[in-house]
Amino acid sequence: MSVEEQLKGIVTRIVHCEPEVLTPDNTWKDMKADSLDLVQILVAVEDTFGIEIPDEDTEKIHNFGEFVAYIERRVAEKASA
């Protein structure tokens, strides 16, 4: 399962949205995710992939496409470490 597919599973489970809503350009607001949802998503992603996501990085992520790219990059960094 790809990183993107895993992220879609996490987000749809927490936000209770349809996977079709998770397009690269859609923002958290488009997905109707509130701040508690975001915290739960980040914790689930950190646990799933064994990475840490600093708060300053989360402030730079504006849409689902950026989120996927960021997590893919962090997973690749962990694998090469």
Protein backbone atom coordinates (compact mmCIF):
# COMPACT_ATOMS: atom_id res chain seq x y z
CA MET A 1 0.00 0.00 0.00
CA SER A 2 1.40 3.39 -0.97
CA VAL A 3 1.97 6.24 1.47
CA GLU A 4 -0.85 8.18 -0.19
CA GLU A 5 -3.28 5.27 0.19
CA GLN A 6 -2.36 4.90 3.86
CA LEU A 7 -2.82 8.63 4.43
CA LYS A 8 -6.21 8.55 2.72
CA GLY A 9 -7.23 5.72 5.05
CA ILE A 10 -6.13 7.64 8.13
CA VAL A 11 -7.78 10.91 7.08
CA THR A 12 -11.08 9.35 5.99
CA ARG A 13 -11.29 7.37 9.23
CA ILE A 14 -10.72 10.45 11.42
CA VAL A 15 -12.52 13.14 9.44
CA HIS A 16 -15.33 10.83 8.24
CA CYS A 17 -15.09 12.07 4.68
CA GLU A 18 -15.20 10.25 1.37
CA PRO A 19 -11.82 9.39 -0.23
CA GLU A 20 -12.85 11.37 -3.33
CA VAL A 21 -12.58 14.57 -1.25
CA LEU A 22 -8.85 13.94 -0.77
CA THR A 23 -7.55 15.55 -3.93
CA PRO A 24 -4.09 17.15 -4.06
CA ASP A 25 -5.51 20.70 -4.09
CA ASN A 26 -8.09 20.28 -1.33
CA THR A 27 -7.30 21.99 1.95
CA TRP A 28 -8.10 20.75 5.45
CA LYS A 29 -11.01 23.20 5.41
CA ASP A 30 -12.31 21.63 2.16
CA MET A 31 -12.21 18.27 3.94
CA LYS A 32 -14.09 19.80 6.89
CA ALA A 33 -11.27 18.84 9.27
CA ASP A 34 -11.11 20.85 12.49
CA SER A 35 -8.08 21.38 14.73
CA LEU A 36 -8.80 18.27 16.81
CA ASP A 37 -9.03 16.21 13.62
CA LEU A 38 -5.65 17.56 12.54
CA VAL A 39 -4.02 16.61 15.83
CA GLN A 40 -5.51 13.11 15.62
CA ILE A 41 -4.33 12.76 12.00
CA LEU A 42 -0.80 13.83 12.88
CA VAL A 43 -0.60 11.42 15.84
CA ALA A 44 -1.92 8.56 13.70
CA VAL A 45 0.55 9.36 10.91
CA GLU A 46 3.47 9.58 13.33
CA ASP A 47 2.50 6.20 14.83
CA THR A 48 1.89 4.55 11.47
CA PHE A 49 5.15 5.66 9.85
CA GLY A 50 7.37 5.94 12.93
CA ILE A 51 8.25 9.57 12.26
CA GLU A 52 7.94 12.85 14.13
CA ILE A 53 6.27 15.85 12.53
CA PRO A 54 7.43 19.16 14.04
CA ASP A 55 4.77 21.82 14.59
CA GLU A 56 6.63 24.29 12.38
CA ASP A 57 6.40 21.83 9.48
CA THR A 58 2.65 21.36 9.88
CA GLU A 59 2.12 25.10 9.53
CA LYS A 60 3.63 24.93 6.03
CA ILE A 61 1.27 22.20 4.78
CA HIS A 62 -1.77 23.75 3.10
CA ASN A 63 -3.40 20.95 1.13
CA PHE A 64 -3.56 17.17 0.85
CA GLY A 65 -1.01 17.05 -1.98
CA GLU A 66 1.57 18.90 0.13
CA PHE A 67 0.78 16.59 3.06
CA VAL A 68 1.37 13.46 0.97
CA ALA A 69 4.62 14.85 -0.48
CA TYR A 70 5.87 15.83 2.99
CA ILE A 71 5.12 12.41 4.52
CA GLU A 72 6.67 10.59 1.53
CA ARG A 73 9.82 12.70 1.96
CA ARG A 74 9.99 12.03 5.71
CA VAL A 75 9.47 8.28 5.20
CA ALA A 76 12.23 8.22 2.57
CA GLU A 77 14.58 10.12 4.91
CA LYS A 78 13.88 7.61 7.68
CA ALA A 79 14.53 4.69 5.34
CA SER A 80 17.88 6.11 4.23
CA ALA A 81 19.04 6.95 7.77
